[in-house]
Amino acid sequence: MSQGTKNLLEGIVFQTKDVPTLYCNHASPSISFNDLRIYFAEVAPKELAAVQSTTAKRAEPTVTPRICVVVSPEFAKALAQSILTAVDKYENLFGPLRPSPTQEQMDEKLPG
């Protein structure tokens, strides 16, 4: 949007009461000339021991696709900018996010 142009959605509100919620902790984007697809999935351990150990250890993951969202490239860019703005606001309120660990750090913490 150019400077000085009013957003037509400004001031519009919508109800969120009956909107379904889906938990995802993994996303895989895919592109074509016409659109961008984002496959959202949940990554979880394939199995766990019946009795919890006192030490952390590596578990084989399973990836369960949950939903695919298809958008235009232009909307994808606007969505990415909107999400970054929301993350900036979050960090301003609650402090910086913790950095993602390196593979070496994960290997140290989760022995094979």
C-alpha atoms as a PDB file:
ATOM      1  CA  MET A   1       0.000   0.000   0.000  1.00  0.00           C
ATOM      2  CA  SER A   2       1.358   3.424  -0.860  1.00  0.00           C
ATOM      3  CA  GLN A   3       1.935   6.037   1.805  1.00  0.00           C
ATOM      4  CA  GLY A   4      -1.201   7.960   2.679  1.00  0.00           C
ATOM      5  CA  THR A   5      -3.529   5.282   1.301  1.00  0.00           C
ATOM      6  CA  LYS A   6      -6.038   4.155   3.915  1.00  0.00           C
ATOM      7  CA  ASN A   7      -6.441   0.416   4.415  1.00  0.00           C
ATOM      8  CA  LEU A   8     -10.070  -0.391   3.542  1.00  0.00           C
ATOM      9  CA  LEU A   9     -10.135  -3.099   6.231  1.00  0.00           C
ATOM     10  CA  GLU A  10      -9.105  -0.701   9.005  1.00  0.00           C
ATOM     11  CA  GLY A  11     -11.755  -0.648  11.712  1.00  0.00           C
ATOM     12  CA  ILE A  12     -13.433  -3.846  10.467  1.00  0.00           C
ATOM     13  CA  VAL A  13     -13.828  -6.559  13.114  1.00  0.00           C
ATOM     14  CA  PHE A  14     -14.892 -10.198  12.822  1.00  0.00           C
ATOM     15  CA  GLN A  15     -15.884 -12.847  15.326  1.00  0.00           C
ATOM     16  CA  THR A  16     -13.385 -15.619  16.111  1.00  0.00           C
ATOM     17  CA  LYS A  17     -15.632 -17.750  18.344  1.00  0.00           C
ATOM     18  CA  ASP A  18     -16.311 -20.616  15.902  1.00  0.00           C
ATOM     19  CA  VAL A  19     -13.096 -20.533  13.857  1.00  0.00           C
ATOM     20  CA  PRO A  20     -11.387 -23.962  13.976  1.00  0.00           C
ATOM     21  CA  THR A  21      -7.876 -24.041  15.450  1.00  0.00           C
ATOM     22  CA  LEU A  22      -5.172 -26.413  14.252  1.00  0.00           C
ATOM     23  CA  TYR A  23      -1.809 -26.971  15.994  1.00  0.00           C
ATOM     24  CA  CYS A  24       1.255 -27.170  13.717  1.00  0.00           C
ATOM     25  CA  ASN A  25       4.971 -27.032  14.481  1.00  0.00           C
ATOM     26  CA  HIS A  26       6.349 -27.533  10.972  1.00  0.00           C
ATOM     27  CA  ALA A  27       5.738 -25.828   7.618  1.00  0.00           C
ATOM     28  CA  SER A  28       7.027 -26.720   4.153  1.00  0.00           C
ATOM     29  CA  PRO A  29       6.472 -24.187   1.374  1.00  0.00           C
ATOM     30  CA  SER A  30       6.227 -25.156  -2.294  1.00  0.00           C
ATOM     31  CA  ILE A  31       6.110 -22.715  -5.210  1.00  0.00           C
ATOM     32  CA  SER A  32       4.856 -22.599  -8.776  1.00  0.00           C
ATOM     33  CA  PHE A  33       4.546 -19.686 -11.190  1.00  0.00           C
ATOM     34  CA  ASN A  34       0.930 -19.051 -10.152  1.00  0.00           C
ATOM     35  CA  ASP A  35       0.828 -19.808  -6.450  1.00  0.00           C
ATOM     36  CA  LEU A  36       2.600 -20.708  -3.264  1.00  0.00           C
ATOM     37  CA  ARG A  37       1.525 -23.690  -1.161  1.00  0.00           C
ATOM     38  CA  ILE A  38       2.346 -24.044   2.505  1.00  0.00           C
ATOM     39  CA  TYR A  39       1.962 -27.547   3.906  1.00  0.00           C
ATOM     40  CA  PHE A  40       1.484 -27.363   7.671  1.00  0.00           C
ATOM     41  CA  ALA A  41       2.293 -30.464   9.710  1.00  0.00           C
ATOM     42  CA  GLU A  42       2.826 -31.692  13.235  1.00  0.00           C
ATOM     43  CA  VAL A  43       6.139 -33.341  14.122  1.00  0.00           C
ATOM     44  CA  ALA A  44       5.982 -35.613  17.176  1.00  0.00           C
ATOM     45  CA  PRO A  45       7.860 -38.633  18.518  1.00  0.00           C
ATOM     46  CA  LYS A  46       6.949 -41.890  16.779  1.00  0.00           C
ATOM     47  CA  GLU A  47       6.858 -43.663  20.152  1.00  0.00           C
ATOM     48  CA  LEU A  48       7.598 -43.049  23.818  1.00  0.00           C
ATOM     49  CA  ALA A  49       8.574 -45.286  26.701  1.00  0.00           C
ATOM     50  CA  ALA A  50       5.771 -46.170  29.117  1.00  0.00           C
ATOM     51  CA  VAL A  51       7.940 -44.977  32.005  1.00  0.00           C
ATOM     52  CA  GLN A  52       9.494 -41.544  31.542  1.00  0.00           C
ATOM     53  CA  SER A  53      13.267 -41.386  31.872  1.00  0.00           C
ATOM     54  CA  THR A  54      14.937 -38.665  33.922  1.00  0.00           C
ATOM     55  CA  THR A  55      17.281 -37.876  31.018  1.00  0.00           C
ATOM     56  CA  ALA A  56      16.385 -36.549  27.586  1.00  0.00           C
ATOM     57  CA  LYS A  57      17.110 -38.763  24.611  1.00  0.00           C
ATOM     58  CA  ARG A  58      16.595 -38.656  20.878  1.00  0.00           C
ATOM     59  CA  ALA A  59      13.296 -40.030  19.544  1.00  0.00           C
ATOM     60  CA  GLU A  60      12.464 -40.910  15.946  1.00  0.00           C
ATOM     61  CA  PRO A  61      10.024 -38.284  14.628  1.00  0.00           C
ATOM     62  CA  THR A  62       6.851 -38.774  12.679  1.00  0.00           C
ATOM     63  CA  VAL A  63       5.477 -36.003  10.478  1.00  0.00           C
ATOM     64  CA  THR A  64       1.689 -35.763  10.157  1.00  0.00           C
ATOM     65  CA  PRO A  65       0.487 -33.348   7.455  1.00  0.00           C
ATOM     66  CA  ARG A  66      -2.494 -31.352   8.745  1.00  0.00           C
ATOM     67  CA  ILE A  67      -3.481 -28.846   6.046  1.00  0.00           C
ATOM     68  CA  CYS A  68      -2.225 -27.089   2.910  1.00  0.00           C
ATOM     69  CA  VAL A  69      -2.860 -23.384   2.356  1.00  0.00           C
ATOM     70  CA  VAL A  70      -2.624 -22.129  -1.238  1.00  0.00           C
ATOM     71  CA  VAL A  71      -2.090 -18.397  -1.856  1.00  0.00           C
ATOM     72  CA  SER A  72      -0.874 -16.089  -4.597  1.00  0.00           C
ATOM     73  CA  PRO A  73       2.795 -15.022  -4.447  1.00  0.00           C
ATOM     74  CA  GLU A  74       1.691 -11.448  -3.732  1.00  0.00           C
ATOM     75  CA  PHE A  75      -0.496 -12.515  -0.823  1.00  0.00           C
ATOM     76  CA  ALA A  76       2.290 -14.771   0.493  1.00  0.00           C
ATOM     77  CA  LYS A  77       4.628 -11.771   0.655  1.00  0.00           C
ATOM     78  CA  ALA A  78       2.010  -9.634   2.412  1.00  0.00           C
ATOM     79  CA  LEU A  79       1.314 -12.500   4.851  1.00  0.00           C
ATOM     80  CA  ALA A  80       5.030 -12.913   5.600  1.00  0.00           C
ATOM     81  CA  GLN A  81       5.331  -9.189   6.335  1.00  0.00           C
ATOM     82  CA  SER A  82       2.232  -9.321   8.546  1.00  0.00           C
ATOM     83  CA  ILE A  83       3.607 -12.283  10.520  1.00  0.00           C
ATOM     84  CA  LEU A  84       6.977 -10.531  10.994  1.00  0.00           C
ATOM     85  CA  THR A  85       5.146  -7.443  12.285  1.00  0.00           C
ATOM     86  CA  ALA A  86       3.233  -9.624  14.774  1.00  0.00           C
ATOM     87  CA  VAL A  87       6.483 -11.289  15.938  1.00  0.00           C
ATOM     88  CA  ASP A  88       8.084  -7.847  16.402  1.00  0.00           C
ATOM     89  CA  LYS A  89       5.110  -6.769  18.539  1.00  0.00           C
ATOM     90  CA  TYR A  90       5.376 -10.005  20.553  1.00  0.00           C
ATOM     91  CA  GLU A  91       9.090  -9.432  21.215  1.00  0.00           C
ATOM     92  CA  ASN A  92       8.440  -5.817  22.210  1.00  0.00           C
ATOM     93  CA  LEU A  93       5.903  -7.024  24.792  1.00  0.00           C
ATOM     94  CA  PHE A  94       7.564 -10.218  26.072  1.00  0.00           C
ATOM     95  CA  GLY A  95      11.242  -9.988  25.124  1.00  0.00           C
ATOM     96  CA  PRO A  96      13.322 -11.651  22.422  1.00  0.00           C
ATOM     97  CA  LEU A  97      12.589 -15.171  21.245  1.00  0.00           C
ATOM     98  CA  ARG A  98      15.122 -17.841  22.099  1.00  0.00           C
ATOM     99  CA  PRO A  99      17.401 -18.706  19.164  1.00  0.00           C
ATOM    100  CA  SER A 100      17.007 -22.015  17.355  1.00  0.00           C
ATOM    101  CA  PRO A 101      19.619 -24.531  18.503  1.00  0.00           C
ATOM    102  CA  THR A 102      22.256 -25.784  16.087  1.00  0.00           C
ATOM    103  CA  GLN A 103      22.433 -29.479  15.219  1.00  0.00           C
ATOM    104  CA  GLU A 104      25.590 -29.722  17.344  1.00  0.00           C
ATOM    105  CA  GLN A 105      23.747 -28.293  20.372  1.00  0.00           C
ATOM    106  CA  MET A 106      20.888 -30.756  19.808  1.00  0.00           C
ATOM    107  CA  ASP A 107      23.368 -33.659  19.572  1.00  0.00           C
ATOM    108  CA  GLU A 108      24.939 -32.568  22.887  1.00  0.00           C
ATOM    109  CA  LYS A 109      21.582 -32.418  24.682  1.00  0.00           C
ATOM    110  CA  LEU A 110      19.989 -35.514  23.141  1.00  0.00           C
ATOM    111  CA  PRO A 111      22.407 -38.429  23.018  1.00  0.00           C
ATOM    112  CA  GLY A 112      21.554 -41.150  20.489  1.00  0.00           C
END
